[in-house]
C-alpha atoms as a PDB file:
ATOM      1  CA  LEU A   1      66.511 -33.172 -35.235  1.00  0.00           C
ATOM      2  CA  ASP A   2      65.781 -30.943 -38.045  1.00  0.00           C
ATOM      3  CA  GLU A   3      69.681 -29.177 -37.917  1.00  0.00           C
ATOM      4  CA  GLU A   4      71.188 -32.597 -37.698  1.00  0.00           C
ATOM      5  CA  GLY A   5      69.096 -33.402 -40.998  1.00  0.00           C
ATOM      6  CA  LEU A   6      67.530 -36.837 -40.112  1.00  0.00           C
ATOM      7  CA  VAL A   7      64.431 -35.745 -41.017  1.00  0.00           C
ATOM      8  CA  GLU A   8      62.243 -34.077 -42.918  1.00  0.00           C
ATOM      9  CA  ILE A   9      60.182 -31.866 -41.101  1.00  0.00           C
ATOM     10  CA  GLY A  10      56.630 -31.063 -42.921  1.00  0.00           C
ATOM     11  CA  VAL A  11      53.182 -29.078 -42.377  1.00  0.00           C
ATOM     12  CA  HIS A  12      50.522 -31.084 -40.744  1.00  0.00           C
ATOM     13  CA  THR A  13      48.174 -27.401 -40.226  1.00  0.00           C
ATOM     14  CA  VAL A  14      47.621 -24.945 -37.126  1.00  0.00           C
ATOM     15  CA  ASN A  15      44.364 -26.614 -35.799  1.00  0.00           C
ATOM     16  CA  HIS A  16      45.005 -30.053 -37.106  1.00  0.00           C
ATOM     17  CA  LYS A  17      41.035 -30.427 -38.972  1.00  0.00           C
ATOM     18  CA  PRO A  18      40.227 -32.616 -41.678  1.00  0.00           C
ATOM     19  CA  LEU A  19      41.212 -30.420 -44.720  1.00  0.00           C
ATOM     20  CA  GLY A  20      38.566 -32.468 -47.099  1.00  0.00           C
ATOM     21  CA  LYS A  21      35.639 -31.382 -44.698  1.00  0.00           C
ATOM     22  CA  LEU A  22      36.681 -27.857 -44.711  1.00  0.00           C
ATOM     23  CA  LYS A  23      35.119 -24.682 -46.614  1.00  0.00           C
ATOM     24  CA  PRO A  24      37.712 -23.564 -49.354  1.00  0.00           C
ATOM     25  CA  GLU A  25      39.132 -20.903 -47.103  1.00  0.00           C
ATOM     26  CA  SER A  26      39.417 -22.645 -44.779  1.00  0.00           C
ATOM     27  CA  ALA A  27      41.410 -25.151 -45.956  1.00  0.00           C
ATOM     28  CA  TYR A  28      43.849 -22.624 -47.085  1.00  0.00           C
ATOM     29  CA  TYR A  29      44.464 -21.384 -43.709  1.00  0.00           C
ATOM     30  CA  GLN A  30      44.995 -24.171 -42.431  1.00  0.00           C
ATOM     31  CA  MET A  31      47.503 -25.256 -44.786  1.00  0.00           C
ATOM     32  CA  SER A  32      49.174 -21.651 -45.172  1.00  0.00           C
ATOM     33  CA  LYS A  33      49.224 -20.115 -41.773  1.00  0.00           C
ATOM     34  CA  SER A  34      50.564 -23.321 -40.989  1.00  0.00           C
ATOM     35  CA  LYS A  35      53.842 -23.407 -43.613  1.00  0.00           C
ATOM     36  CA  GLU A  36      54.327 -19.761 -42.188  1.00  0.00           C
ATOM     37  CA  LEU A  37      55.122 -20.741 -38.620  1.00  0.00           C
ATOM     38  CA  LEU A  38      56.917 -23.449 -39.210  1.00  0.00           C
ATOM     39  CA  GLU A  39      59.550 -22.221 -42.074  1.00  0.00           C
ATOM     40  CA  LYS A  40      60.049 -18.444 -38.960  1.00  0.00           C
ATOM     41  CA  GLY A  41      60.169 -21.521 -36.219  1.00  0.00           C
ATOM     42  CA  LEU A  42      62.668 -23.586 -38.088  1.00  0.00           C
ATOM     43  CA  ASN A  43      64.273 -20.013 -40.361  1.00  0.00           C
ATOM     44  CA  HIS A  44      63.416 -22.607 -43.904  1.00  0.00           C
ATOM     45  CA  LYS A  45      61.529 -23.613 -46.014  1.00  0.00           C
ATOM     46  CA  VAL A  46      59.430 -26.448 -45.670  1.00  0.00           C
ATOM     47  CA  ASP A  47      58.331 -28.284 -48.817  1.00  0.00           C
ATOM     48  CA  THR A  48      55.953 -30.482 -47.712  1.00  0.00           C
ATOM     49  CA  ILE A  49      52.536 -31.307 -46.117  1.00  0.00           C
ATOM     50  CA  VAL A  50      50.804 -34.060 -44.608  1.00  0.00           C
ATOM     51  CA  TYR A  51      46.864 -34.284 -44.511  1.00  0.00           C
ATOM     52  CA  PRO A  52      45.040 -34.333 -41.001  1.00  0.00           C
ATOM     53  CA  PHE A  53      43.455 -37.897 -40.903  1.00  0.00           C
ATOM     54  CA  GLY A  54      44.422 -38.116 -44.549  1.00  0.00           C
ATOM     55  CA  SER A  55      41.256 -35.818 -45.670  1.00  0.00           C
ATOM     56  CA  PHE A  56      41.874 -33.705 -48.401  1.00  0.00           C
ATOM     57  CA  ASN A  57      39.995 -33.529 -51.974  1.00  0.00           C
ATOM     58  CA  ALA A  58      40.924 -31.463 -54.800  1.00  0.00           C
ATOM     59  CA  ASN A  59      40.463 -28.713 -53.681  1.00  0.00           C
ATOM     60  CA  VAL A  60      42.720 -28.987 -50.900  1.00  0.00           C
ATOM     61  CA  LYS A  61      45.356 -30.615 -53.561  1.00  0.00           C
ATOM     62  CA  LYS A  62      45.254 -27.371 -55.559  1.00  0.00           C
ATOM     63  CA  GLN A  63      45.255 -25.125 -52.842  1.00  0.00           C
ATOM     64  CA  ALA A  64      48.964 -26.945 -51.755  1.00  0.00           C
ATOM     65  CA  LYS A  65      50.256 -26.790 -54.576  1.00  0.00           C
ATOM     66  CA  GLN A  66      49.541 -22.586 -54.784  1.00  0.00           C
ATOM     67  CA  ILE A  67      51.051 -22.043 -51.567  1.00  0.00           C
ATOM     68  CA  GLY A  68      53.591 -24.082 -52.639  1.00  0.00           C
ATOM     69  CA  PHE A  69      54.115 -27.283 -51.216  1.00  0.00           C
ATOM     70  CA  ILE A  70      56.147 -30.032 -53.558  1.00  0.00           C
ATOM     71  CA  GLY A  71      54.133 -32.154 -52.320  1.00  0.00           C
ATOM     72  CA  ALA A  72      51.734 -33.685 -49.765  1.00  0.00           C
ATOM     73  CA  ALA A  73      51.351 -37.013 -48.356  1.00  0.00           C
ATOM     74  CA  SER A  74      47.482 -39.167 -47.486  1.00  0.00           C
ATOM     75  CA  VAL A  75      47.351 -41.900 -44.740  1.00  0.00           C
ATOM     76  CA  TYR A  76      47.202 -44.149 -47.860  1.00  0.00           C
ATOM     77  CA  PHE A  77      49.345 -46.809 -47.222  1.00  0.00           C
ATOM     78  CA  GLY A  78      52.226 -47.658 -49.748  1.00  0.00           C
ATOM     79  CA  ASP A  79      54.951 -45.947 -51.385  1.00  0.00           C
ATOM     80  CA  ARG A  80      55.119 -42.223 -52.103  1.00  0.00           C
ATOM     81  CA  PRO A  81      56.366 -42.842 -56.340  1.00  0.00           C
ATOM     82  CA  SER A  82      57.007 -39.297 -57.656  1.00  0.00           C
ATOM     83  CA  GLY A  83      55.891 -39.825 -61.384  1.00  0.00           C
ATOM     84  CA  GLN A  84      52.581 -40.297 -59.801  1.00  0.00           C
ATOM     85  CA  ASP A  85      49.567 -37.981 -57.901  1.00  0.00           C
ATOM     86  CA  LEU A  86      52.629 -35.948 -55.953  1.00  0.00           C
ATOM     87  CA  TYR A  87      49.304 -34.156 -53.705  1.00  0.00           C
ATOM     88  CA  ALA A  88      48.471 -38.142 -52.367  1.00  0.00           C
ATOM     89  CA  TRP A  89      51.574 -39.520 -51.377  1.00  0.00           C
ATOM     90  CA  ARG A  90      50.618 -42.855 -49.871  1.00  0.00           C
ATOM     91  CA  ARG A  91      52.622 -43.895 -46.887  1.00  0.00           C
ATOM     92  CA  VAL A  92      53.310 -46.049 -43.907  1.00  0.00           C
ATOM     93  CA  MET A  93      51.954 -44.569 -40.925  1.00  0.00           C
ATOM     94  CA  ILE A  94      53.706 -45.022 -37.822  1.00  0.00           C
ATOM     95  CA  THR A  95      51.240 -44.634 -34.308  1.00  0.00           C
ATOM     96  CA  ASN A  96      51.900 -44.202 -30.907  1.00  0.00           C
ATOM     97  CA  SER A  97      51.073 -47.494 -30.011  1.00  0.00           C
ATOM     98  CA  ASP A  98      53.598 -49.009 -32.610  1.00  0.00           C
ATOM     99  CA  ILE A  99      55.778 -50.926 -30.570  1.00  0.00           C
ATOM    100  CA  GLY A 100      58.577 -53.953 -30.594  1.00  0.00           C
ATOM    101  CA  ALA A 101      57.982 -56.122 -33.640  1.00  0.00           C
ATOM    102  CA  VAL A 102      55.135 -54.012 -34.774  1.00  0.00           C
ATOM    103  CA  LEU A 103      57.168 -50.976 -35.443  1.00  0.00           C
ATOM    104  CA  LEU A 104      60.289 -52.663 -36.641  1.00  0.00           C
ATOM    105  CA  ARG A 105      57.906 -54.161 -39.149  1.00  0.00           C
ATOM    106  CA  LYS A 106      56.712 -51.038 -40.511  1.00  0.00           C
ATOM    107  CA  MET A 107      60.365 -49.729 -40.251  1.00  0.00           C
ATOM    108  CA  PHE A 108      61.930 -52.235 -42.931  1.00  0.00           C
ATOM    109  CA  ILE A 109      58.812 -51.927 -44.589  1.00  0.00           C
ATOM    110  CA  ALA A 110      58.305 -48.624 -45.052  1.00  0.00           C
ATOM    111  CA  PHE A 111      61.933 -48.958 -46.069  1.00  0.00           C
ATOM    112  CA  GLU A 112      61.709 -51.698 -48.460  1.00  0.00           C
ATOM    113  CA  LEU A 113      59.504 -49.345 -50.143  1.00  0.00           C
ATOM    114  CA  VAL A 114      61.504 -45.976 -50.764  1.00  0.00           C
ATOM    115  CA  LYS A 115      65.274 -47.559 -51.553  1.00  0.00           C
END
């Protein structure tokens, strides 16, 4: 998928811990190490992160910017407007239990929100 450019692959941390509940140095490690490893594996820069469980705070957002991410996604439902908070994007979350009509509806909503 990455080589075909069909999707954007972003960071999701090393151990999938709620960043907003971690000590600042642990949150920084989770984000920076994950970025480093993913970039090495993909052999190119990775620009975005999705916060595990949507957990973040002002410090996590500041660190994400310092690490070099250009944006970050939360689990808040909605569109991803570029002119607003780049480190708390809203999104349409699709889970492994979304099938059939539910999956199609979420995909349609996501398409409508970003077009």
